[in-house]
Amino acid sequence: MKLLYHPGDKVRSKSGGPEMTIRDQHYDVIRNKFLNDMFDCIWLTETKDGKKAIQYRPFHQDELQKTDHS
């Protein structure tokens, strides 16, 4: 199966939000396998005291769209 996204691709949630980077396919520890339709995304936010924080979340491929920076 051809993957829609690859590590380093720039994406955004279709519902909006910050630009994110694809980290890799999502690994499901319950099923003990990588899922071809789920991707781990990372992005930076700023805390109340002005420090940068890395955020992480898995997304289904249908929730994402590539940005112009891919």
PDB file of N, CA and C in Angstrom:
ATOM      1  N   MET A   1       0.838  -1.184   0.000  1.00  0.00           N
ATOM      2  CA  MET A   1       0.000   0.000   0.000  1.00  0.00           C
ATOM      3  C   MET A   1       0.882   1.247   0.000  1.00  0.00           C
ATOM      4  N   LYS A   2       0.592   2.176  -0.891  1.00  0.00           N
ATOM      5  CA  LYS A   2       1.364   3.415  -0.970  1.00  0.00           C
ATOM      6  C   LYS A   2       0.909   4.359   0.143  1.00  0.00           C
ATOM      7  N   LEU A   3       1.870   4.900   0.875  1.00  0.00           N
ATOM      8  CA  LEU A   3       1.568   5.814   1.968  1.00  0.00           C
ATOM      9  C   LEU A   3       1.297   7.219   1.422  1.00  0.00           C
ATOM     10  N   LEU A   4       0.322   7.904   2.014  1.00  0.00           N
ATOM     11  CA  LEU A   4       0.005   9.273   1.606  1.00  0.00           C
ATOM     12  C   LEU A   4       1.025  10.274   2.126  1.00  0.00           C
ATOM     13  N   TYR A   5       1.623   9.982   3.295  1.00  0.00           N
ATOM     14  CA  TYR A   5       2.542  10.906   3.937  1.00  0.00           C
ATOM     15  C   TYR A   5       3.828  10.190   4.324  1.00  0.00           C
ATOM     16  N   HIS A   6       4.904  10.964   4.381  1.00  0.00           N
ATOM     17  CA  HIS A   6       6.216  10.421   4.725  1.00  0.00           C
ATOM     18  C   HIS A   6       6.879  11.319   5.767  1.00  0.00           C
ATOM     19  N   PRO A   7       7.816  10.760   6.556  1.00  0.00           N
ATOM     20  CA  PRO A   7       8.497  11.581   7.554  1.00  0.00           C
ATOM     21  C   PRO A   7       9.050  12.875   6.936  1.00  0.00           C
ATOM     22  N   GLY A   8       8.773  13.979   7.628  1.00  0.00           N
ATOM     23  CA  GLY A   8       9.231  15.278   7.156  1.00  0.00           C
ATOM     24  C   GLY A   8       8.194  16.069   6.377  1.00  0.00           C
ATOM     25  N   ASP A   9       7.131  15.397   5.898  1.00  0.00           N
ATOM     26  CA  ASP A   9       6.069  16.122   5.196  1.00  0.00           C
ATOM     27  C   ASP A   9       5.422  17.130   6.139  1.00  0.00           C
ATOM     28  N   LYS A  10       5.077  18.294   5.603  1.00  0.00           N
ATOM     29  CA  LYS A  10       4.389  19.330   6.370  1.00  0.00           C
ATOM     30  C   LYS A  10       2.888  19.199   6.107  1.00  0.00           C
ATOM     31  N   VAL A  11       2.114  19.140   7.173  1.00  0.00           N
ATOM     32  CA  VAL A  11       0.670  18.949   7.076  1.00  0.00           C
ATOM     33  C   VAL A  11      -0.053  19.886   8.038  1.00  0.00           C
ATOM     34  N   ARG A  12      -1.354  19.960   7.865  1.00  0.00           N
ATOM     35  CA  ARG A  12      -2.214  20.702   8.771  1.00  0.00           C
ATOM     36  C   ARG A  12      -3.503  19.897   8.909  1.00  0.00           C
ATOM     37  N   SER A  13      -4.115  19.973  10.070  1.00  0.00           N
ATOM     38  CA  SER A  13      -5.409  19.331  10.262  1.00  0.00           C
ATOM     39  C   SER A  13      -6.424  20.012   9.351  1.00  0.00           C
ATOM     40  N   LYS A  14      -7.308  19.249   8.743  1.00  0.00           N
ATOM     41  CA  LYS A  14      -8.327  19.826   7.873  1.00  0.00           C
ATOM     42  C   LYS A  14      -9.242  20.779   8.637  1.00  0.00           C
ATOM     43  N   SER A  15      -9.315  20.614   9.946  1.00  0.00           N
ATOM     44  CA  SER A  15     -10.156  21.501  10.759  1.00  0.00           C
ATOM     45  C   SER A  15      -9.407  22.756  11.205  1.00  0.00           C
ATOM     46  N   GLY A  16      -8.148  22.896  10.812  1.00  0.00           N
ATOM     47  CA  GLY A  16      -7.351  24.069  11.159  1.00  0.00           C
ATOM     48  C   GLY A  16      -6.255  23.735  12.144  1.00  0.00           C
ATOM     49  N   GLY A  17      -5.607  24.766  12.651  1.00  0.00           N
ATOM     50  CA  GLY A  17      -4.539  24.568  13.622  1.00  0.00           C
ATOM     51  C   GLY A  17      -3.176  24.823  13.027  1.00  0.00           C
ATOM     52  N   PRO A  18      -2.133  24.523  13.808  1.00  0.00           N
ATOM     53  CA  PRO A  18      -0.766  24.837  13.375  1.00  0.00           C
ATOM     54  C   PRO A  18      -0.258  23.872  12.300  1.00  0.00           C
ATOM     55  N   GLU A  19       0.767  24.327  11.591  1.00  0.00           N
ATOM     56  CA  GLU A  19       1.455  23.436  10.671  1.00  0.00           C
ATOM     57  C   GLU A  19       2.184  22.382  11.502  1.00  0.00           C
ATOM     58  N   MET A  20       2.140  21.135  11.051  1.00  0.00           N
ATOM     59  CA  MET A  20       2.758  20.024  11.771  1.00  0.00           C
ATOM     60  C   MET A  20       3.686  19.276  10.825  1.00  0.00           C
ATOM     61  N   THR A  21       4.573  18.493  11.405  1.00  0.00           N
ATOM     62  CA  THR A  21       5.498  17.657  10.640  1.00  0.00           C
ATOM     63  C   THR A  21       5.164  16.199  10.892  1.00  0.00           C
ATOM     64  N   ILE A  22       5.102  15.415   9.814  1.00  0.00           N
ATOM     65  CA  ILE A  22       4.903  13.974   9.959  1.00  0.00           C
ATOM     66  C   ILE A  22       6.178  13.389  10.561  1.00  0.00           C
ATOM     67  N   ARG A  23       6.037  12.716  11.682  1.00  0.00           N
ATOM     68  CA  ARG A  23       7.175  12.057  12.328  1.00  0.00           C
ATOM     69  C   ARG A  23       7.377  10.665  11.734  1.00  0.00           C
ATOM     70  N   ASP A  24       6.278   9.913  11.596  1.00  0.00           N
ATOM     71  CA  ASP A  24       6.342   8.551  11.051  1.00  0.00           C
ATOM     72  C   ASP A  24       4.938   7.962  11.035  1.00  0.00           C
ATOM     73  N   GLN A  25       4.835   6.755  10.515  1.00  0.00           N
ATOM     74  CA  GLN A  25       3.586   6.016  10.645  1.00  0.00           C
ATOM     75  C   GLN A  25       3.337   5.771  12.130  1.00  0.00           C
ATOM     76  N   HIS A  26       2.070   5.675  12.495  1.00  0.00           N
ATOM     77  CA  HIS A  26       1.729   5.412  13.893  1.00  0.00           C
ATOM     78  C   HIS A  26       1.882   3.917  14.179  1.00  0.00           C
ATOM     79  N   TYR A  27       2.528   3.601  15.304  1.00  0.00           N
ATOM     80  CA  TYR A  27       2.691   2.211  15.733  1.00  0.00           C
ATOM     81  C   TYR A  27       1.649   1.912  16.803  1.00  0.00           C
ATOM     82  N   ASP A  28       0.790   0.953  16.532  1.00  0.00           N
ATOM     83  CA  ASP A  28      -0.250   0.544  17.474  1.00  0.00           C
ATOM     84  C   ASP A  28       0.305  -0.567  18.371  1.00  0.00           C
ATOM     85  N   VAL A  29       0.533  -0.250  19.636  1.00  0.00           N
ATOM     86  CA  VAL A  29       1.140  -1.229  20.546  1.00  0.00           C
ATOM     87  C   VAL A  29       0.178  -2.362  20.887  1.00  0.00           C
ATOM     88  N   ILE A  30      -1.119  -2.133  20.781  1.00  0.00           N
ATOM     89  CA  ILE A  30      -2.100  -3.192  21.044  1.00  0.00           C
ATOM     90  C   ILE A  30      -2.067  -4.224  19.913  1.00  0.00           C
ATOM     91  N   ARG A  31      -2.053  -3.729  18.688  1.00  0.00           N
ATOM     92  CA  ARG A  31      -2.022  -4.619  17.516  1.00  0.00           C
ATOM     93  C   ARG A  31      -0.614  -5.067  17.163  1.00  0.00           C
ATOM     94  N   ASN A  32       0.392  -4.410  17.754  1.00  0.00           N
ATOM     95  CA  ASN A  32       1.791  -4.731  17.504  1.00  0.00           C
ATOM     96  C   ASN A  32       2.167  -4.586  16.027  1.00  0.00           C
ATOM     97  N   LYS A  33       1.726  -3.447  15.438  1.00  0.00           N
ATOM     98  CA  LYS A  33       2.070  -3.203  14.034  1.00  0.00           C
ATOM     99  C   LYS A  33       1.914  -1.722  13.706  1.00  0.00           C
ATOM    100  N   PHE A  34       2.571  -1.310  12.609  1.00  0.00           N
ATOM    101  CA  PHE A  34       2.404   0.035  12.081  1.00  0.00           C
ATOM    102  C   PHE A  34       1.082   0.101  11.326  1.00  0.00           C
ATOM    103  N   LEU A  35       0.386   1.220  11.444  1.00  0.00           N
ATOM    104  CA  LEU A  35      -0.876   1.414  10.738  1.00  0.00           C
ATOM    105  C   LEU A  35      -0.636   2.302   9.522  1.00  0.00           C
ATOM    106  N   ASN A  36      -1.047   1.833   8.341  1.00  0.00           N
ATOM    107  CA  ASN A  36      -0.802   2.569   7.096  1.00  0.00           C
ATOM    108  C   ASN A  36      -1.650   3.823   6.954  1.00  0.00           C
ATOM    109  N   ASP A  37      -2.714   3.942   7.755  1.00  0.00           N
ATOM    110  CA  ASP A  37      -3.610   5.094   7.623  1.00  0.00           C
ATOM    111  C   ASP A  37      -3.550   6.057   8.809  1.00  0.00           C
ATOM    112  N   MET A  38      -2.581   5.844   9.717  1.00  0.00           N
ATOM    113  CA  MET A  38      -2.400   6.714  10.880  1.00  0.00           C
ATOM    114  C   MET A  38      -0.967   7.237  10.885  1.00  0.00           C
ATOM    115  N   PHE A  39      -0.818   8.530  11.224  1.00  0.00           N
ATOM    116  CA  PHE A  39       0.503   9.151  11.211  1.00  0.00           C
ATOM    117  C   PHE A  39       0.720   9.961  12.479  1.00  0.00           C
ATOM    118  N   ASP A  40       1.919   9.859  13.025  1.00  0.00           N
ATOM    119  CA  ASP A  40       2.292  10.648  14.199  1.00  0.00           C
ATOM    120  C   ASP A  40       2.778  12.012  13.729  1.00  0.00           C
ATOM    121  N   CYS A  41       2.180  13.059  14.287  1.00  0.00           N
ATOM    122  CA  CYS A  41       2.542  14.434  13.930  1.00  0.00           C
ATOM    123  C   CYS A  41       3.132  15.143  15.137  1.00  0.00           C
ATOM    124  N   ILE A  42       4.081  16.036  14.871  1.00  0.00           N
ATOM    125  CA  ILE A  42       4.663  16.873  15.918  1.00  0.00           C
ATOM    126  C   ILE A  42       4.572  18.334  15.483  1.00  0.00           C
ATOM    127  N   TRP A  43       4.481  19.226  16.471  1.00  0.00           N
ATOM    128  CA  TRP A  43       4.452  20.656  16.218  1.00  0.00           C
ATOM    129  C   TRP A  43       4.877  21.390  17.474  1.00  0.00           C
ATOM    130  N   LEU A  44       5.246  22.645  17.312  1.00  0.00           N
ATOM    131  CA  LEU A  44       5.706  23.465  18.428  1.00  0.00           C
ATOM    132  C   LEU A  44       4.597  24.391  18.917  1.00  0.00           C
ATOM    133  N   THR A  45       4.518  24.555  20.225  1.00  0.00           N
ATOM    134  CA  THR A  45       3.635  25.541  20.838  1.00  0.00           C
ATOM    135  C   THR A  45       4.475  26.365  21.811  1.00  0.00           C
ATOM    136  N   GLU A  46       3.894  27.434  22.289  1.00  0.00           N
ATOM    137  CA  GLU A  46       4.569  28.265  23.275  1.00  0.00           C
ATOM    138  C   GLU A  46       3.800  28.194  24.587  1.00  0.00           C
ATOM    139  N   THR A  47       4.535  27.956  25.683  1.00  0.00           N
ATOM    140  CA  THR A  47       3.910  27.884  26.996  1.00  0.00           C
ATOM    141  C   THR A  47       3.620  29.292  27.523  1.00  0.00           C
ATOM    142  N   LYS A  48       2.900  29.377  28.610  1.00  0.00           N
ATOM    143  CA  LYS A  48       2.549  30.677  29.193  1.00  0.00           C
ATOM    144  C   LYS A  48       3.774  31.498  29.575  1.00  0.00           C
ATOM    145  N   ASP A  49       4.865  30.810  29.917  1.00  0.00           N
ATOM    146  CA  ASP A  49       6.083  31.540  30.292  1.00  0.00           C
ATOM    147  C   ASP A  49       7.025  31.771  29.101  1.00  0.00           C
ATOM    148  N   GLY A  50       6.536  31.544  27.884  1.00  0.00           N
ATOM    149  CA  GLY A  50       7.298  31.865  26.688  1.00  0.00           C
ATOM    150  C   GLY A  50       8.235  30.789  26.192  1.00  0.00           C
ATOM    151  N   LYS A  51       8.245  29.628  26.826  1.00  0.00           N
ATOM    152  CA  LYS A  51       9.114  28.534  26.381  1.00  0.00           C
ATOM    153  C   LYS A  51       8.428  27.740  25.269  1.00  0.00           C
ATOM    154  N   LYS A  52       9.253  27.156  24.417  1.00  0.00           N
ATOM    155  CA  LYS A  52       8.745  26.298  23.348  1.00  0.00           C
ATOM    156  C   LYS A  52       8.497  24.893  23.890  1.00  0.00           C
ATOM    157  N   ALA A  53       7.414  24.273  23.424  1.00  0.00           N
ATOM    158  CA  ALA A  53       7.079  22.907  23.835  1.00  0.00           C
ATOM    159  C   ALA A  53       6.710  22.103  22.593  1.00  0.00           C
ATOM    160  N   ILE A  54       7.220  20.887  22.505  1.00  0.00           N
ATOM    161  CA  ILE A  54       6.888  20.002  21.392  1.00  0.00           C
ATOM    162  C   ILE A  54       5.613  19.247  21.744  1.00  0.00           C
ATOM    163  N   GLN A  55       4.668  19.270  20.825  1.00  0.00           N
ATOM    164  CA  GLN A  55       3.415  18.543  20.985  1.00  0.00           C
ATOM    165  C   GLN A  55       3.423  17.352  20.033  1.00  0.00           C
ATOM    166  N   TYR A  56       2.684  16.318  20.382  1.00  0.00           N
ATOM    167  CA  TYR A  56       2.647  15.090  19.586  1.00  0.00           C
ATOM    168  C   TYR A  56       1.233  14.532  19.625  1.00  0.00           C
ATOM    169  N   ARG A  57       0.781  14.010  18.490  1.00  0.00           N
ATOM    170  CA  ARG A  57      -0.506  13.330  18.453  1.00  0.00           C
ATOM    171  C   ARG A  57      -0.587  12.502  17.183  1.00  0.00           C
ATOM    172  N   PRO A  58      -1.179  11.304  17.263  1.00  0.00           N
ATOM    173  CA  PRO A  58      -1.451  10.550  16.043  1.00  0.00           C
ATOM    174  C   PRO A  58      -2.726  11.064  15.372  1.00  0.00           C
ATOM    175  N   PHE A  59      -2.729  11.097  14.045  1.00  0.00           N
ATOM    176  CA  PHE A  59      -3.888  11.523  13.258  1.00  0.00           C
ATOM    177  C   PHE A  59      -4.189  10.475  12.199  1.00  0.00           C
ATOM    178  N   HIS A  60      -5.473  10.299  11.888  1.00  0.00           N
ATOM    179  CA  HIS A  60      -5.862   9.475  10.747  1.00  0.00           C
ATOM    180  C   HIS A  60      -5.579  10.274   9.484  1.00  0.00           C
ATOM    181  N   GLN A  61      -5.174   9.608   8.420  1.00  0.00           N
ATOM    182  CA  GLN A  61      -4.797  10.304   7.189  1.00  0.00           C
ATOM    183  C   GLN A  61      -5.923  11.175   6.630  1.00  0.00           C
ATOM    184  N   ASP A  62      -7.172  10.802   6.872  1.00  0.00           N
ATOM    185  CA  ASP A  62      -8.294  11.592   6.375  1.00  0.00           C
ATOM    186  C   ASP A  62      -8.466  12.919   7.115  1.00  0.00           C
ATOM    187  N   GLU A  63      -7.792  13.091   8.261  1.00  0.00           N
ATOM    188  CA  GLU A  63      -7.864  14.332   9.031  1.00  0.00           C
ATOM    189  C   GLU A  63      -6.822  15.352   8.578  1.00  0.00           C
ATOM    190  N   LEU A  64      -5.894  14.926   7.717  1.00  0.00           N
ATOM    191  CA  LEU A  64      -4.736  15.762   7.368  1.00  0.00           C
ATOM    192  C   LEU A  64      -4.767  16.222   5.917  1.00  0.00           C
ATOM    193  N   GLN A  65      -4.079  17.341   5.672  1.00  0.00           N
ATOM    194  CA  GLN A  65      -3.824  17.799   4.314  1.00  0.00           C
ATOM    195  C   GLN A  65      -2.414  18.370   4.252  1.00  0.00           C
ATOM    196  N   LYS A  66      -1.736  18.147   3.132  1.00  0.00           N
ATOM    197  CA  LYS A  66      -0.387  18.688   2.973  1.00  0.00           C
ATOM    198  C   LYS A  66      -0.463  20.203   2.857  1.00  0.00           C
ATOM    199  N   THR A  67       0.569  20.868   3.367  1.00  0.00           N
ATOM    200  CA  THR A  67       0.663  22.311   3.220  1.00  0.00           C
ATOM    201  C   THR A  67       1.551  22.634   2.029  1.00  0.00           C
ATOM    202  N   ASP A  68       1.655  23.893   1.710  1.00  0.00           N
ATOM    203  CA  ASP A  68       2.485  24.321   0.576  1.00  0.00           C
ATOM    204  C   ASP A  68       3.964  24.138   0.853  1.00  0.00           C
ATOM    205  N   HIS A  69       4.326  23.889   2.118  1.00  0.00           N
ATOM    206  CA  HIS A  69       5.738  23.752   2.509  1.00  0.00           C
ATOM    207  C   HIS A  69       6.243  22.323   2.436  1.00  0.00           C
ATOM    208  N   SER A  70       5.454  21.391   1.906  1.00  0.00           N
ATOM    209  CA  SER A  70       5.859  19.979   1.864  1.00  0.00           C
ATOM    210  C   SER A  70       6.924  19.763   0.816  1.00  0.00           C
TER     211      SER A  70
END
